[in-house]
Amino acid sequence: LREFGRQYEIRVLIDDLDRNWSPHTASSARLIVSLLNEIHTLMTDNAGRLKPVVFLRRDVYRWLEANDPELLKRDPGFLDWSPDSLLLLVARRIARQSSISSSDPHEILASVFPDFTRGERTWDFIIERTLLRPRDVVEFCQHAVGNAQRAGRPTVDEDDVYAAWESSGENILIQAQTEYQHKYPV
């Protein structure tokens, strides 16, 4: 690792670490703390060459704040998603895939999505029906775009957004069941 790090910057991204985490299961909490300690050791040994990012749910991070005295030594950064930051993320993806020259995220979104869906601003419709996570919002938008493409349209209409919502609810339930190991009534 040191040899490789001398030639290249190493970026390590860790996601779904908290998939089976429970505050009531000591072993799952120790697993996360142990991994964070190991990453901290690797960062110390490879200072400036190793750049790790660990994605944790907010409830897990808050548990670590309350129960792990070493947390602050690991230099945590906190990324909080808001409707505006998610809009910017989606707009940048649209702009990258198209020839839109605007830098206004609302204009970029309006170039692909309708202004309103079922009487509600489309962006508000999407945000209100997803968790404030990039994966959920991007999936929702991809389903809507896919619906329009299957219908042979270059832009999304209100029915495409509504149809994406119908399937996204099922996807969110499946993800929640997997993450929290719990069955929700349908």
N, C-alpha and C. Protein backbone atom coordinates (compact mmCIF):
# COMPACT_ATOMS: atom_id res chain seq x y z
N LEU A 1 0.84 -1.19 0.00
CA LEU A 1 0.00 0.00 0.00
C LEU A 1 0.88 1.25 0.00
N ARG A 2 1.96 1.22 0.79
CA ARG A 2 2.85 2.38 0.83
C ARG A 2 3.49 2.62 -0.52
N GLU A 3 3.94 1.53 -1.18
CA GLU A 3 4.56 1.67 -2.51
C GLU A 3 3.57 2.28 -3.51
N PHE A 4 2.38 1.75 -3.50
CA PHE A 4 1.34 2.25 -4.40
C PHE A 4 1.03 3.71 -4.09
N GLY A 5 0.95 4.04 -2.78
CA GLY A 5 0.65 5.39 -2.35
C GLY A 5 1.72 6.40 -2.71
N ARG A 6 2.93 5.94 -2.91
CA ARG A 6 3.99 6.86 -3.33
C ARG A 6 3.79 7.34 -4.75
N GLN A 7 3.14 6.52 -5.55
CA GLN A 7 2.94 6.85 -6.96
C GLN A 7 1.56 7.44 -7.24
N TYR A 8 0.58 7.02 -6.46
CA TYR A 8 -0.80 7.43 -6.73
C TYR A 8 -1.49 7.85 -5.45
N GLU A 9 -2.44 8.76 -5.59
CA GLU A 9 -3.32 9.09 -4.47
C GLU A 9 -4.35 7.96 -4.38
N ILE A 10 -4.59 7.48 -3.19
CA ILE A 10 -5.52 6.36 -2.99
C ILE A 10 -6.81 6.90 -2.40
N ARG A 11 -7.89 6.65 -3.06
CA ARG A 11 -9.21 7.04 -2.55
C ARG A 11 -10.01 5.79 -2.26
N VAL A 12 -10.50 5.70 -1.05
CA VAL A 12 -11.27 4.54 -0.62
C VAL A 12 -12.66 5.02 -0.22
N LEU A 13 -13.68 4.49 -0.86
CA LEU A 13 -15.06 4.85 -0.54
C LEU A 13 -15.75 3.63 0.06
N ILE A 14 -16.35 3.79 1.23
CA ILE A 14 -17.01 2.68 1.92
C ILE A 14 -18.46 3.06 2.15
N ASP A 15 -19.36 2.24 1.61
CA ASP A 15 -20.79 2.50 1.74
C ASP A 15 -21.46 1.23 2.26
N ASP A 16 -22.66 1.33 2.75
CA ASP A 16 -23.46 0.23 3.27
C ASP A 16 -22.83 -0.44 4.48
N LEU A 17 -21.89 0.23 5.12
CA LEU A 17 -21.29 -0.29 6.34
C LEU A 17 -22.35 -0.42 7.43
N ASP A 18 -23.33 0.45 7.39
CA ASP A 18 -24.35 0.49 8.42
C ASP A 18 -25.60 -0.33 8.07
N ARG A 19 -25.51 -1.13 7.03
CA ARG A 19 -26.68 -1.90 6.57
C ARG A 19 -27.29 -2.75 7.68
N ASN A 20 -26.49 -3.46 8.44
CA ASN A 20 -27.01 -4.34 9.48
C ASN A 20 -26.73 -3.80 10.88
N TRP A 21 -26.46 -2.51 10.97
CA TRP A 21 -26.14 -1.90 12.26
C TRP A 21 -27.37 -1.78 13.13
N SER A 22 -27.17 -1.99 14.42
CA SER A 22 -28.23 -1.80 15.40
C SER A 22 -27.58 -1.25 16.67
N PRO A 23 -28.16 -0.22 17.27
CA PRO A 23 -27.57 0.31 18.51
C PRO A 23 -27.68 -0.69 19.66
N HIS A 24 -28.51 -1.71 19.48
CA HIS A 24 -28.73 -2.70 20.53
C HIS A 24 -27.83 -3.91 20.39
N THR A 25 -27.07 -3.99 19.29
CA THR A 25 -26.18 -5.12 19.06
C THR A 25 -24.74 -4.64 19.19
N ALA A 26 -24.10 -5.03 20.25
CA ALA A 26 -22.74 -4.55 20.54
C ALA A 26 -21.76 -4.93 19.42
N SER A 27 -21.91 -6.10 18.84
CA SER A 27 -20.96 -6.53 17.81
C SER A 27 -21.05 -5.66 16.56
N SER A 28 -22.26 -5.22 16.18
CA SER A 28 -22.37 -4.38 14.99
C SER A 28 -21.77 -3.00 15.25
N ALA A 29 -21.92 -2.49 16.47
CA ALA A 29 -21.32 -1.20 16.81
C ALA A 29 -19.80 -1.32 16.85
N ARG A 30 -19.27 -2.40 17.43
CA ARG A 30 -17.82 -2.61 17.48
C ARG A 30 -17.24 -2.75 16.08
N LEU A 31 -17.97 -3.37 15.17
CA LEU A 31 -17.49 -3.52 13.80
C LEU A 31 -17.25 -2.16 13.16
N ILE A 32 -18.20 -1.26 13.30
CA ILE A 32 -18.05 0.08 12.72
C ILE A 32 -16.91 0.83 13.39
N VAL A 33 -16.85 0.80 14.71
CA VAL A 33 -15.79 1.50 15.43
C VAL A 33 -14.43 0.91 15.04
N SER A 34 -14.32 -0.41 14.94
CA SER A 34 -13.06 -1.05 14.57
C SER A 34 -12.62 -0.64 13.17
N LEU A 35 -13.57 -0.61 12.25
CA LEU A 35 -13.22 -0.21 10.89
C LEU A 35 -12.75 1.25 10.86
N LEU A 36 -13.44 2.12 11.58
CA LEU A 36 -13.02 3.52 11.64
C LEU A 36 -11.64 3.66 12.25
N ASN A 37 -11.35 2.87 13.29
CA ASN A 37 -10.01 2.90 13.89
C ASN A 37 -8.95 2.43 12.90
N GLU A 38 -9.26 1.39 12.15
CA GLU A 38 -8.31 0.87 11.17
C GLU A 38 -8.06 1.88 10.04
N ILE A 39 -9.10 2.53 9.59
CA ILE A 39 -8.95 3.55 8.56
C ILE A 39 -8.08 4.70 9.09
N HIS A 40 -8.33 5.09 10.34
CA HIS A 40 -7.53 6.15 10.95
C HIS A 40 -6.05 5.76 11.00
N THR A 41 -5.77 4.51 11.35
CA THR A 41 -4.38 4.02 11.38
C THR A 41 -3.77 4.06 9.98
N LEU A 42 -4.52 3.60 8.98
CA LEU A 42 -4.02 3.64 7.60
C LEU A 42 -3.75 5.07 7.15
N MET A 43 -4.63 5.99 7.53
CA MET A 43 -4.43 7.39 7.16
C MET A 43 -3.18 7.96 7.82
N THR A 44 -2.94 7.57 9.05
CA THR A 44 -1.76 8.05 9.76
C THR A 44 -0.49 7.50 9.12
N ASP A 45 -0.50 6.20 8.82
CA ASP A 45 0.67 5.56 8.19
C ASP A 45 0.91 6.05 6.77
N ASN A 46 -0.14 6.48 6.09
CA ASN A 46 -0.04 6.92 4.69
C ASN A 46 -0.50 8.36 4.56
N ALA A 47 -0.03 9.20 5.46
CA ALA A 47 -0.46 10.60 5.52
C ALA A 47 -0.37 11.30 4.17
N GLY A 48 -1.47 11.89 3.76
CA GLY A 48 -1.53 12.64 2.52
C GLY A 48 -1.74 11.80 1.27
N ARG A 49 -1.59 10.50 1.37
CA ARG A 49 -1.72 9.64 0.19
C ARG A 49 -3.03 8.86 0.18
N LEU A 50 -3.58 8.61 1.36
CA LEU A 50 -4.81 7.82 1.47
C LEU A 50 -5.94 8.75 1.86
N LYS A 51 -7.00 8.77 1.03
CA LYS A 51 -8.15 9.64 1.29
C LYS A 51 -9.41 8.77 1.36
N PRO A 52 -9.79 8.35 2.57
CA PRO A 52 -10.99 7.52 2.70
C PRO A 52 -12.24 8.35 2.92
N VAL A 53 -13.36 7.81 2.49
CA VAL A 53 -14.67 8.39 2.77
C VAL A 53 -15.57 7.25 3.21
N VAL A 54 -16.21 7.40 4.36
CA VAL A 54 -17.12 6.40 4.87
C VAL A 54 -18.50 7.04 4.93
N PHE A 55 -19.47 6.43 4.26
CA PHE A 55 -20.83 6.94 4.27
C PHE A 55 -21.61 6.23 5.37
N LEU A 56 -22.14 7.00 6.31
CA LEU A 56 -22.93 6.46 7.41
C LEU A 56 -24.26 7.18 7.48
N ARG A 57 -25.28 6.45 7.88
CA ARG A 57 -26.57 7.10 8.11
C ARG A 57 -26.43 8.06 9.29
N ARG A 58 -27.28 9.05 9.31
CA ARG A 58 -27.23 10.08 10.35
C ARG A 58 -27.41 9.47 11.74
N ASP A 59 -28.31 8.49 11.90
CA ASP A 59 -28.53 7.92 13.23
C ASP A 59 -27.29 7.17 13.72
N VAL A 60 -26.56 6.52 12.82
CA VAL A 60 -25.33 5.82 13.20
C VAL A 60 -24.27 6.85 13.62
N TYR A 61 -24.15 7.91 12.84
CA TYR A 61 -23.17 8.95 13.16
C TYR A 61 -23.47 9.56 14.52
N ARG A 62 -24.74 9.83 14.79
CA ARG A 62 -25.10 10.41 16.09
C ARG A 62 -24.81 9.44 17.23
N TRP A 63 -25.02 8.14 16.98
CA TRP A 63 -24.68 7.15 18.00
C TRP A 63 -23.18 7.17 18.26
N LEU A 64 -22.38 7.26 17.19
CA LEU A 64 -20.93 7.33 17.35
C LEU A 64 -20.52 8.58 18.13
N GLU A 65 -21.16 9.71 17.83
CA GLU A 65 -20.85 10.94 18.58
C GLU A 65 -21.07 10.75 20.07
N ALA A 66 -22.14 10.04 20.42
CA ALA A 66 -22.49 9.85 21.83
C ALA A 66 -21.68 8.74 22.50
N ASN A 67 -21.21 7.76 21.74
CA ASN A 67 -20.62 6.57 22.36
C ASN A 67 -19.17 6.28 22.01
N ASP A 68 -18.58 7.02 21.11
CA ASP A 68 -17.21 6.74 20.70
C ASP A 68 -16.33 7.95 20.99
N PRO A 69 -15.54 7.90 22.08
CA PRO A 69 -14.71 9.06 22.45
C PRO A 69 -13.61 9.36 21.43
N GLU A 70 -13.30 8.42 20.56
CA GLU A 70 -12.24 8.61 19.57
C GLU A 70 -12.75 9.26 18.27
N LEU A 71 -14.04 9.46 18.14
CA LEU A 71 -14.61 9.93 16.87
C LEU A 71 -13.97 11.22 16.38
N LEU A 72 -13.82 12.19 17.24
CA LEU A 72 -13.29 13.48 16.80
C LEU A 72 -11.83 13.40 16.37
N LYS A 73 -11.11 12.41 16.85
CA LYS A 73 -9.71 12.25 16.43
C LYS A 73 -9.63 11.79 14.98
N ARG A 74 -10.71 11.26 14.46
CA ARG A 74 -10.72 10.72 13.09
C ARG A 74 -11.07 11.77 12.05
N ASP A 75 -11.25 13.02 12.46
CA ASP A 75 -11.53 14.12 11.53
C ASP A 75 -12.77 13.87 10.68
N PRO A 76 -13.92 13.68 11.31
CA PRO A 76 -15.12 13.42 10.51
C PRO A 76 -15.62 14.68 9.81
N GLY A 77 -16.14 14.49 8.64
CA GLY A 77 -16.83 15.55 7.93
C GLY A 77 -18.28 15.15 7.85
N PHE A 78 -19.16 16.10 7.89
CA PHE A 78 -20.59 15.78 7.88
C PHE A 78 -21.23 16.38 6.64
N LEU A 79 -21.80 15.56 5.84
CA LEU A 79 -22.47 16.00 4.62
C LEU A 79 -23.97 15.82 4.82
N ASP A 80 -24.69 16.89 4.71
CA ASP A 80 -26.13 16.86 4.92
C ASP A 80 -26.81 17.24 3.62
N TRP A 81 -27.68 16.41 3.12
CA TRP A 81 -28.35 16.68 1.85
C TRP A 81 -29.62 17.48 2.11
N SER A 82 -29.83 18.49 1.29
CA SER A 82 -31.03 19.31 1.35
C SER A 82 -31.70 19.25 -0.02
N PRO A 83 -32.94 19.70 -0.12
CA PRO A 83 -33.58 19.74 -1.44
C PRO A 83 -32.76 20.54 -2.46
N ASP A 84 -32.15 21.65 -2.03
CA ASP A 84 -31.36 22.47 -2.95
C ASP A 84 -30.10 21.75 -3.41
N SER A 85 -29.40 21.08 -2.49
CA SER A 85 -28.17 20.39 -2.89
C SER A 85 -28.50 19.19 -3.78
N LEU A 86 -29.63 18.54 -3.55
CA LEU A 86 -30.03 17.43 -4.42
C LEU A 86 -30.45 17.94 -5.79
N LEU A 87 -31.12 19.10 -5.84
CA LEU A 87 -31.47 19.71 -7.12
C LEU A 87 -30.21 20.00 -7.93
N LEU A 88 -29.21 20.53 -7.27
CA LEU A 88 -27.94 20.82 -7.94
C LEU A 88 -27.29 19.54 -8.47
N LEU A 89 -27.33 18.48 -7.69
CA LEU A 89 -26.79 17.19 -8.12
C LEU A 89 -27.51 16.68 -9.37
N VAL A 90 -28.84 16.68 -9.35
CA VAL A 90 -29.62 16.20 -10.49
C VAL A 90 -29.38 17.10 -11.71
N ALA A 91 -29.37 18.41 -11.50
CA ALA A 91 -29.15 19.35 -12.61
C ALA A 91 -27.78 19.14 -13.25
N ARG A 92 -26.78 18.91 -12.44
CA ARG A 92 -25.43 18.66 -13.00
C ARG A 92 -25.41 17.38 -13.83
N ARG A 93 -26.12 16.37 -13.38
CA ARG A 93 -26.17 15.12 -14.16
C ARG A 93 -26.89 15.34 -15.48
N ILE A 94 -27.97 16.09 -15.45
CA ILE A 94 -28.71 16.38 -16.69
C ILE A 94 -27.82 17.19 -17.63
N ALA A 95 -27.16 18.22 -17.10
CA ALA A 95 -26.31 19.08 -17.93
C ALA A 95 -25.17 18.28 -18.56
N ARG A 96 -24.61 17.35 -17.82
CA ARG A 96 -23.51 16.52 -18.34
C ARG A 96 -23.96 15.63 -19.48
N GLN A 97 -25.22 15.20 -19.45
CA GLN A 97 -25.73 14.28 -20.46
C GLN A 97 -26.40 14.99 -21.64
N SER A 98 -26.46 16.31 -21.59
CA SER A 98 -27.14 17.05 -22.65
C SER A 98 -26.28 18.23 -23.09
N SER A 99 -26.83 19.02 -23.98
CA SER A 99 -26.10 20.18 -24.48
C SER A 99 -26.59 21.49 -23.85
N ILE A 100 -27.18 21.40 -22.67
CA ILE A 100 -27.70 22.57 -21.99
C ILE A 100 -26.55 23.44 -21.50
N SER A 101 -26.62 24.73 -21.81
CA SER A 101 -25.53 25.62 -21.42
C SER A 101 -25.85 26.42 -20.15
N SER A 102 -27.06 26.36 -19.67
CA SER A 102 -27.46 27.12 -18.49
C SER A 102 -26.76 26.57 -17.25
N SER A 103 -26.52 27.45 -16.29
CA SER A 103 -25.97 27.00 -15.01
C SER A 103 -27.02 27.06 -13.90
N ASP A 104 -28.22 27.52 -14.25
CA ASP A 104 -29.30 27.60 -13.28
C ASP A 104 -29.94 26.22 -13.13
N PRO A 105 -29.86 25.59 -11.94
CA PRO A 105 -30.39 24.24 -11.79
C PRO A 105 -31.89 24.14 -12.07
N HIS A 106 -32.66 25.20 -11.78
CA HIS A 106 -34.10 25.16 -12.05
C HIS A 106 -34.36 25.13 -13.56
N GLU A 107 -33.59 25.92 -14.32
CA GLU A 107 -33.74 25.91 -15.78
C GLU A 107 -33.34 24.56 -16.36
N ILE A 108 -32.27 23.99 -15.85
CA ILE A 108 -31.81 22.69 -16.34
C ILE A 108 -32.87 21.63 -16.08
N LEU A 109 -33.43 21.61 -14.87
CA LEU A 109 -34.47 20.64 -14.54
C LEU A 109 -35.69 20.85 -15.45
N ALA A 110 -36.06 22.11 -15.68
CA ALA A 110 -37.23 22.43 -16.51
C ALA A 110 -37.02 22.04 -17.97
N SER A 111 -35.78 21.87 -18.39
CA SER A 111 -35.53 21.46 -19.77
C SER A 111 -35.88 20.00 -20.01
N VAL A 112 -36.01 19.23 -18.92
CA VAL A 112 -36.31 17.80 -19.05
C VAL A 112 -37.64 17.44 -18.38
N PHE A 113 -37.92 18.05 -17.22
CA PHE A 113 -39.10 17.70 -16.43
C PHE A 113 -40.18 18.76 -16.57
N PRO A 114 -41.45 18.38 -16.40
CA PRO A 114 -42.54 19.38 -16.47
C PRO A 114 -42.49 20.30 -15.24
N ASP A 115 -43.10 21.47 -15.36
CA ASP A 115 -43.12 22.41 -14.24
C ASP A 115 -43.94 21.86 -13.06
N PHE A 116 -45.06 21.18 -13.39
CA PHE A 116 -45.96 20.71 -12.35
C PHE A 116 -46.32 19.25 -12.55
N THR A 117 -46.54 18.56 -11.44
CA THR A 117 -47.04 17.19 -11.44
C THR A 117 -48.16 17.11 -10.43
N ARG A 118 -49.35 16.80 -10.90
CA ARG A 118 -50.54 16.70 -10.06
C ARG A 118 -50.75 17.96 -9.22
N GLY A 119 -50.54 19.13 -9.85
CA GLY A 119 -50.79 20.41 -9.20
C GLY A 119 -49.68 20.88 -8.27
N GLU A 120 -48.60 20.14 -8.20
CA GLU A 120 -47.48 20.48 -7.31
C GLU A 120 -46.24 20.73 -8.18
N ARG A 121 -45.37 21.67 -7.77
CA ARG A 121 -44.13 21.84 -8.51
C ARG A 121 -43.42 20.49 -8.59
N THR A 122 -42.94 20.13 -9.75
CA THR A 122 -42.39 18.78 -9.95
C THR A 122 -41.24 18.49 -9.00
N TRP A 123 -40.33 19.45 -8.79
CA TRP A 123 -39.22 19.18 -7.88
C TRP A 123 -39.74 18.91 -6.47
N ASP A 124 -40.73 19.68 -6.02
CA ASP A 124 -41.32 19.44 -4.71
C ASP A 124 -41.99 18.08 -4.66
N PHE A 125 -42.66 17.71 -5.75
CA PHE A 125 -43.30 16.40 -5.84
C PHE A 125 -42.26 15.30 -5.64
N ILE A 126 -41.11 15.41 -6.31
CA ILE A 126 -40.06 14.40 -6.21
C ILE A 126 -39.47 14.36 -4.80
N ILE A 127 -39.12 15.52 -4.27
CA ILE A 127 -38.48 15.60 -2.95
C ILE A 127 -39.41 15.09 -1.85
N GLU A 128 -40.68 15.43 -1.92
CA GLU A 128 -41.63 15.00 -0.89
C GLU A 128 -41.87 13.49 -0.90
N ARG A 129 -41.53 12.84 -1.98
CA ARG A 129 -41.81 11.41 -2.12
C ARG A 129 -40.55 10.54 -2.11
N THR A 130 -39.44 11.14 -1.72
CA THR A 130 -38.19 10.38 -1.61
C THR A 130 -37.55 10.72 -0.27
N LEU A 131 -36.60 9.88 0.12
CA LEU A 131 -35.78 10.22 1.27
C LEU A 131 -34.74 11.22 0.78
N LEU A 132 -34.26 12.06 1.64
CA LEU A 132 -33.28 13.07 1.22
C LEU A 132 -31.90 12.42 1.06
N ARG A 133 -31.84 11.47 0.13
CA ARG A 133 -30.59 10.79 -0.18
C ARG A 133 -30.40 10.83 -1.69
N PRO A 134 -29.19 11.06 -2.13
CA PRO A 134 -28.94 11.13 -3.58
C PRO A 134 -29.44 9.90 -4.32
N ARG A 135 -29.20 8.72 -3.77
CA ARG A 135 -29.59 7.48 -4.44
C ARG A 135 -31.09 7.46 -4.74
N ASP A 136 -31.90 7.84 -3.76
CA ASP A 136 -33.36 7.80 -3.93
C ASP A 136 -33.83 8.82 -4.97
N VAL A 137 -33.30 10.03 -4.89
CA VAL A 137 -33.72 11.10 -5.80
C VAL A 137 -33.27 10.79 -7.23
N VAL A 138 -32.02 10.35 -7.38
CA VAL A 138 -31.51 10.03 -8.72
C VAL A 138 -32.29 8.86 -9.31
N GLU A 139 -32.57 7.82 -8.51
CA GLU A 139 -33.36 6.69 -9.00
C GLU A 139 -34.74 7.14 -9.47
N PHE A 140 -35.39 7.98 -8.67
CA PHE A 140 -36.71 8.49 -9.02
C PHE A 140 -36.65 9.20 -10.37
N CYS A 141 -35.67 10.10 -10.53
CA CYS A 141 -35.54 10.85 -11.78
C CYS A 141 -35.22 9.92 -12.95
N GLN A 142 -34.36 8.92 -12.72
CA GLN A 142 -34.04 7.97 -13.78
C GLN A 142 -35.26 7.18 -14.22
N HIS A 143 -36.11 6.80 -13.26
CA HIS A 143 -37.35 6.09 -13.62
C HIS A 143 -38.25 6.98 -14.48
N ALA A 144 -38.37 8.24 -14.11
CA ALA A 144 -39.21 9.17 -14.89
C ALA A 144 -38.66 9.35 -16.30
N VAL A 145 -37.34 9.53 -16.42
CA VAL A 145 -36.71 9.68 -17.74
C VAL A 145 -36.87 8.40 -18.54
N GLY A 146 -36.70 7.27 -17.89
CA GLY A 146 -36.89 5.98 -18.57
C GLY A 146 -38.30 5.80 -19.09
N ASN A 147 -39.29 6.25 -18.31
CA ASN A 147 -40.69 6.18 -18.76
C ASN A 147 -40.88 7.01 -20.03
N ALA A 148 -40.31 8.22 -20.04
CA ALA A 148 -40.43 9.10 -21.22
C ALA A 148 -39.73 8.47 -22.43
N GLN A 149 -38.55 7.92 -22.22
CA GLN A 149 -37.81 7.31 -23.33
C GLN A 149 -38.55 6.10 -23.91
N ARG A 150 -39.15 5.28 -23.04
CA ARG A 150 -39.92 4.13 -23.54
C ARG A 150 -41.13 4.57 -24.35
N ALA A 151 -41.65 5.76 -24.02
CA ALA A 151 -42.80 6.31 -24.77
C ALA A 151 -42.34 7.08 -26.00
N GLY A 152 -41.01 7.19 -26.20
CA GLY A 152 -40.49 7.87 -27.39
C GLY A 152 -40.45 9.38 -27.29
N ARG A 153 -40.50 9.90 -26.06
CA ARG A 153 -40.47 11.36 -25.86
C ARG A 153 -39.10 11.80 -25.38
N PRO A 154 -38.63 12.97 -25.85
CA PRO A 154 -37.33 13.47 -25.39
C PRO A 154 -37.39 14.12 -24.01
N THR A 155 -38.59 14.49 -23.58
CA THR A 155 -38.73 15.10 -22.25
C THR A 155 -39.75 14.33 -21.43
N VAL A 156 -39.68 14.52 -20.13
CA VAL A 156 -40.55 13.83 -19.18
C VAL A 156 -41.87 14.60 -19.07
N ASP A 157 -42.98 13.89 -19.03
CA ASP A 157 -44.24 14.57 -18.78
C ASP A 157 -44.77 14.19 -17.39
N GLU A 158 -45.89 14.78 -17.04
CA GLU A 158 -46.46 14.59 -15.71
C GLU A 158 -46.75 13.12 -15.41
N ASP A 159 -47.25 12.39 -16.39
CA ASP A 159 -47.56 10.98 -16.17
C ASP A 159 -46.29 10.15 -15.93
N ASP A 160 -45.18 10.53 -16.56
CA ASP A 160 -43.91 9.82 -16.34
C ASP A 160 -43.45 9.99 -14.90
N VAL A 161 -43.57 11.21 -14.38
CA VAL A 161 -43.16 11.48 -13.00
C VAL A 161 -44.06 10.70 -12.05
N TYR A 162 -45.35 10.73 -12.30
CA TYR A 162 -46.30 10.03 -11.44
C TYR A 162 -46.04 8.53 -11.45
N ALA A 163 -45.78 7.97 -12.63
CA ALA A 163 -45.49 6.53 -12.73
C ALA A 163 -44.19 6.18 -12.00
N ALA A 164 -43.21 7.07 -12.05
CA ALA A 164 -41.95 6.83 -11.33
C ALA A 164 -42.21 6.81 -9.83
N TRP A 165 -43.11 7.65 -9.37
CA TRP A 165 -43.43 7.67 -7.95
C TRP A 165 -44.06 6.35 -7.51
N GLU A 166 -44.95 5.81 -8.33
CA GLU A 166 -45.61 4.55 -7.97
C GLU A 166 -44.59 3.44 -7.74
N SER A 167 -43.57 3.35 -8.59
CA SER A 167 -42.56 2.29 -8.40
C SER A 167 -41.52 2.66 -7.36
N SER A 168 -41.27 3.95 -7.14
CA SER A 168 -40.23 4.34 -6.19
C SER A 168 -40.63 4.02 -4.75
N GLY A 169 -41.91 4.09 -4.45
CA GLY A 169 -42.36 3.76 -3.11
C GLY A 169 -42.03 2.32 -2.75
N GLU A 170 -42.21 1.42 -3.71
CA GLU A 170 -41.87 0.02 -3.48
C GLU A 170 -40.37 -0.13 -3.28
N ASN A 171 -39.57 0.59 -4.07
CA ASN A 171 -38.12 0.51 -3.93
C ASN A 171 -37.65 1.01 -2.57
N ILE A 172 -38.26 2.10 -2.08
CA ILE A 172 -37.87 2.64 -0.77
C ILE A 172 -38.22 1.64 0.33
N LEU A 173 -39.38 1.00 0.24
CA LEU A 173 -39.74 -0.01 1.24
C LEU A 173 -38.75 -1.18 1.22
N ILE A 174 -38.37 -1.62 0.04
CA ILE A 174 -37.41 -2.73 -0.07
C ILE A 174 -36.08 -2.32 0.55
N GLN A 175 -35.61 -1.11 0.25
CA GLN A 175 -34.35 -0.64 0.82
C GLN A 175 -34.45 -0.51 2.34
N ALA A 176 -35.56 0.01 2.83
CA ALA A 176 -35.73 0.15 4.28
C ALA A 176 -35.76 -1.21 4.95
N GLN A 177 -36.43 -2.18 4.34
CA GLN A 177 -36.48 -3.53 4.90
C GLN A 177 -35.08 -4.13 4.96
N THR A 178 -34.30 -3.91 3.92
CA THR A 178 -32.93 -4.43 3.89
C THR A 178 -32.07 -3.74 4.94
N GLU A 179 -32.13 -2.40 4.99
CA GLU A 179 -31.29 -1.65 5.92
C GLU A 179 -31.65 -1.91 7.37
N TYR A 180 -32.93 -1.94 7.68
CA TYR A 180 -33.35 -2.03 9.06
C TYR A 180 -33.77 -3.44 9.48
N GLN A 181 -33.67 -4.40 8.54
CA GLN A 181 -34.01 -5.79 8.84
C GLN A 181 -35.41 -5.90 9.44
N HIS A 182 -36.35 -5.19 8.84
CA HIS A 182 -37.70 -5.16 9.37
C HIS A 182 -38.68 -5.22 8.21
N LYS A 183 -39.79 -5.91 8.38
CA LYS A 183 -40.82 -5.98 7.37
C LYS A 183 -41.88 -4.92 7.67
N TYR A 184 -42.19 -4.11 6.66
CA TYR A 184 -43.21 -3.07 6.81
C TYR A 184 -44.48 -3.53 6.11
N PRO A 185 -45.63 -3.19 6.67
CA PRO A 185 -46.88 -3.56 6.00
C PRO A 185 -47.03 -2.82 4.68
N VAL A 186 -47.54 -3.50 3.69
CA VAL A 186 -47.71 -2.90 2.36
C VAL A 186 -49.15 -2.48 2.19
